């Protein structure tokens, strides 16, 4: 499954990663790569918890990237 992840750098230089499809699924890291690795673990844990509690798993995403010449 694919999930959209948003990564932003906060005012202290920490990278904060969030998965909007999974409410409250947020992680962080000192680097962008670390934040991505940490949110990957967080998403896996979130999905395992949903399964364990017989909760529905939100559908993954299918998106395209459109490049426009300006």
N, C-alpha and C. Protein backbone atom coordinates (compact mmCIF):
# COMPACT_ATOMS: atom_id res chain seq x y z
N UNK A 1 0.83 -1.18 0.00
CA UNK A 1 0.00 0.00 0.00
C UNK A 1 0.88 1.25 0.00
N UNK A 2 0.36 2.30 -0.56
CA UNK A 2 1.08 3.56 -0.60
C UNK A 2 0.31 4.59 0.23
N UNK A 3 1.05 5.35 1.02
CA UNK A 3 0.48 6.41 1.83
C UNK A 3 1.25 7.70 1.58
N UNK A 4 0.54 8.80 1.51
CA UNK A 4 1.17 10.11 1.32
C UNK A 4 1.82 10.52 2.65
N UNK A 5 3.04 10.99 2.58
CA UNK A 5 3.79 11.45 3.74
C UNK A 5 4.19 12.90 3.49
N UNK A 6 3.99 13.73 4.49
CA UNK A 6 4.42 15.13 4.41
C UNK A 6 5.58 15.31 5.37
N UNK A 7 6.68 15.87 4.88
CA UNK A 7 7.86 16.11 5.72
C UNK A 7 8.17 17.61 5.67
N UNK A 8 8.23 18.21 6.85
CA UNK A 8 8.55 19.63 6.96
C UNK A 8 9.61 19.82 8.04
N UNK A 9 10.44 20.82 7.85
CA UNK A 9 11.46 21.13 8.84
C UNK A 9 10.91 22.19 9.79
N UNK A 10 10.99 21.94 11.10
CA UNK A 10 10.46 22.91 12.06
C UNK A 10 11.50 23.99 12.36
N UNK A 11 11.12 24.92 13.23
CA UNK A 11 11.98 26.07 13.53
C UNK A 11 13.29 25.68 14.24
N UNK A 12 13.33 24.48 14.81
CA UNK A 12 14.55 24.01 15.46
C UNK A 12 15.42 23.15 14.54
N UNK A 13 15.00 22.99 13.28
CA UNK A 13 15.78 22.21 12.33
C UNK A 13 15.43 20.72 12.31
N UNK A 14 14.46 20.31 13.13
CA UNK A 14 14.04 18.90 13.17
C UNK A 14 13.05 18.66 12.03
N UNK A 15 13.17 17.52 11.38
CA UNK A 15 12.26 17.16 10.31
C UNK A 15 11.07 16.39 10.90
N UNK A 16 9.88 16.90 10.66
CA UNK A 16 8.65 16.30 11.18
C UNK A 16 7.91 15.65 10.01
N UNK A 17 7.58 14.38 10.17
CA UNK A 17 6.90 13.62 9.12
C UNK A 17 5.50 13.24 9.62
N UNK A 18 4.52 13.37 8.73
CA UNK A 18 3.13 13.08 9.08
C UNK A 18 2.46 12.31 7.95
N UNK A 19 1.59 11.39 8.31
CA UNK A 19 0.79 10.66 7.34
C UNK A 19 -0.66 11.11 7.51
N UNK A 20 -1.15 12.02 6.67
CA UNK A 20 -2.49 12.58 6.83
C UNK A 20 -3.62 11.54 6.78
N UNK A 21 -3.42 10.44 6.10
CA UNK A 21 -4.44 9.40 5.99
C UNK A 21 -4.66 8.70 7.33
N UNK A 22 -3.63 8.71 8.17
CA UNK A 22 -3.69 8.02 9.47
C UNK A 22 -3.61 9.07 10.58
N UNK A 23 -4.74 9.52 11.09
CA UNK A 23 -4.77 10.60 12.08
C UNK A 23 -3.85 10.32 13.27
N UNK A 24 -3.01 11.31 13.57
CA UNK A 24 -2.10 11.18 14.71
C UNK A 24 -0.82 10.44 14.42
N UNK A 25 -0.64 9.97 13.19
CA UNK A 25 0.57 9.23 12.83
C UNK A 25 1.65 10.24 12.42
N UNK A 26 2.48 10.59 13.39
CA UNK A 26 3.51 11.62 13.21
C UNK A 26 4.81 11.09 13.78
N UNK A 27 5.92 11.46 13.15
CA UNK A 27 7.24 11.09 13.66
C UNK A 27 8.19 12.22 13.32
N UNK A 28 9.46 12.06 13.66
CA UNK A 28 10.44 13.09 13.37
C UNK A 28 11.82 12.49 13.27
N UNK A 29 12.77 13.31 12.87
CA UNK A 29 14.16 12.89 12.78
C UNK A 29 15.07 14.08 12.64
N UNK A 30 16.36 13.87 12.91
CA UNK A 30 17.34 14.94 12.78
C UNK A 30 17.60 15.27 11.32
N UNK A 31 17.41 14.27 10.45
CA UNK A 31 17.57 14.47 9.01
C UNK A 31 16.29 14.05 8.30
N UNK A 32 16.15 14.45 7.06
CA UNK A 32 14.98 14.06 6.27
C UNK A 32 14.92 12.53 6.14
N UNK A 33 16.07 11.92 5.90
CA UNK A 33 16.12 10.46 5.76
C UNK A 33 15.71 9.76 7.05
N UNK A 34 16.16 10.28 8.19
CA UNK A 34 15.80 9.69 9.47
C UNK A 34 14.30 9.85 9.73
N UNK A 35 13.75 11.01 9.40
CA UNK A 35 12.31 11.23 9.58
C UNK A 35 11.52 10.27 8.70
N UNK A 36 11.97 10.04 7.49
CA UNK A 36 11.29 9.12 6.58
C UNK A 36 11.35 7.69 7.11
N UNK A 37 12.49 7.30 7.63
CA UNK A 37 12.63 5.96 8.22
C UNK A 37 11.71 5.81 9.44
N UNK A 38 11.67 6.84 10.27
CA UNK A 38 10.86 6.80 11.47
C UNK A 38 9.36 6.79 11.17
N UNK A 39 8.93 7.56 10.17
CA UNK A 39 7.50 7.56 9.84
C UNK A 39 7.12 6.22 9.19
N UNK A 40 8.05 5.60 8.50
CA UNK A 40 7.80 4.27 7.94
C UNK A 40 7.48 3.28 9.06
N UNK A 41 8.30 3.32 10.12
CA UNK A 41 8.05 2.46 11.28
C UNK A 41 6.72 2.81 11.95
N UNK A 42 6.43 4.11 12.05
CA UNK A 42 5.19 4.55 12.69
C UNK A 42 3.96 4.09 11.91
N UNK A 43 4.01 4.18 10.59
CA UNK A 43 2.90 3.73 9.75
C UNK A 43 2.70 2.23 9.91
N UNK A 44 3.78 1.48 9.88
CA UNK A 44 3.67 0.02 10.07
C UNK A 44 3.03 -0.31 11.41
N UNK A 45 3.47 0.36 12.47
CA UNK A 45 2.90 0.13 13.80
C UNK A 45 1.44 0.52 13.87
N UNK A 46 1.08 1.62 13.22
CA UNK A 46 -0.31 2.09 13.19
C UNK A 46 -1.19 1.05 12.51
N UNK A 47 -0.73 0.54 11.36
CA UNK A 47 -1.51 -0.46 10.62
C UNK A 47 -1.63 -1.77 11.40
N UNK A 48 -0.55 -2.16 12.09
CA UNK A 48 -0.61 -3.37 12.92
C UNK A 48 -1.63 -3.21 14.04
N UNK A 49 -1.69 -2.02 14.63
CA UNK A 49 -2.65 -1.75 15.69
C UNK A 49 -4.08 -1.81 15.16
N UNK A 50 -4.30 -1.24 13.96
CA UNK A 50 -5.63 -1.31 13.36
C UNK A 50 -6.06 -2.76 13.16
N UNK A 51 -5.15 -3.58 12.64
CA UNK A 51 -5.45 -5.00 12.43
C UNK A 51 -5.77 -5.69 13.74
N UNK A 52 -4.94 -5.44 14.75
CA UNK A 52 -5.10 -6.08 16.05
C UNK A 52 -6.47 -5.76 16.67
N UNK A 53 -6.95 -4.55 16.45
CA UNK A 53 -8.22 -4.12 17.02
C UNK A 53 -9.39 -4.24 16.05
N UNK A 54 -9.17 -4.97 14.96
CA UNK A 54 -10.20 -5.19 13.94
C UNK A 54 -10.81 -3.89 13.41
N UNK A 55 -9.97 -2.88 13.27
CA UNK A 55 -10.38 -1.59 12.72
C UNK A 55 -10.11 -1.61 11.21
N UNK A 56 -10.90 -0.88 10.44
CA UNK A 56 -10.65 -0.85 8.99
C UNK A 56 -9.35 -0.11 8.66
N UNK A 57 -8.67 -0.60 7.66
CA UNK A 57 -7.45 0.04 7.18
C UNK A 57 -7.83 1.00 6.07
N UNK A 58 -7.47 2.29 6.22
CA UNK A 58 -7.80 3.26 5.17
C UNK A 58 -7.16 2.85 3.84
N UNK A 59 -7.82 3.17 2.74
CA UNK A 59 -7.24 2.81 1.45
C UNK A 59 -5.96 3.60 1.18
N UNK A 60 -5.05 2.96 0.47
CA UNK A 60 -3.83 3.63 0.06
C UNK A 60 -4.16 4.67 -1.00
N UNK A 61 -3.14 5.32 -1.51
CA UNK A 61 -3.36 6.36 -2.51
C UNK A 61 -2.85 5.91 -3.87
N UNK A 62 -3.40 6.51 -4.87
CA UNK A 62 -2.88 6.37 -6.23
C UNK A 62 -2.82 7.79 -6.76
N UNK A 63 -1.64 8.26 -7.03
CA UNK A 63 -1.53 9.63 -7.51
C UNK A 63 -0.54 9.71 -8.64
N UNK A 64 -0.67 10.75 -9.39
CA UNK A 64 0.22 11.01 -10.51
C UNK A 64 0.91 12.34 -10.26
N UNK A 65 2.08 12.50 -10.81
CA UNK A 65 2.79 13.77 -10.73
C UNK A 65 2.77 14.37 -12.13
N UNK A 66 2.30 15.60 -12.19
CA UNK A 66 2.20 16.32 -13.45
C UNK A 66 3.28 17.39 -13.49
N UNK A 67 4.10 17.34 -14.51
CA UNK A 67 5.16 18.34 -14.65
C UNK A 67 4.77 19.32 -15.76
N UNK A 68 4.82 20.59 -15.43
CA UNK A 68 4.44 21.65 -16.37
C UNK A 68 5.67 22.49 -16.67
N UNK A 69 5.97 22.68 -17.92
CA UNK A 69 7.06 23.57 -18.31
C UNK A 69 6.58 25.00 -18.20
N UNK A 70 7.38 25.83 -17.55
CA UNK A 70 6.99 27.23 -17.36
C UNK A 70 7.97 28.13 -18.07
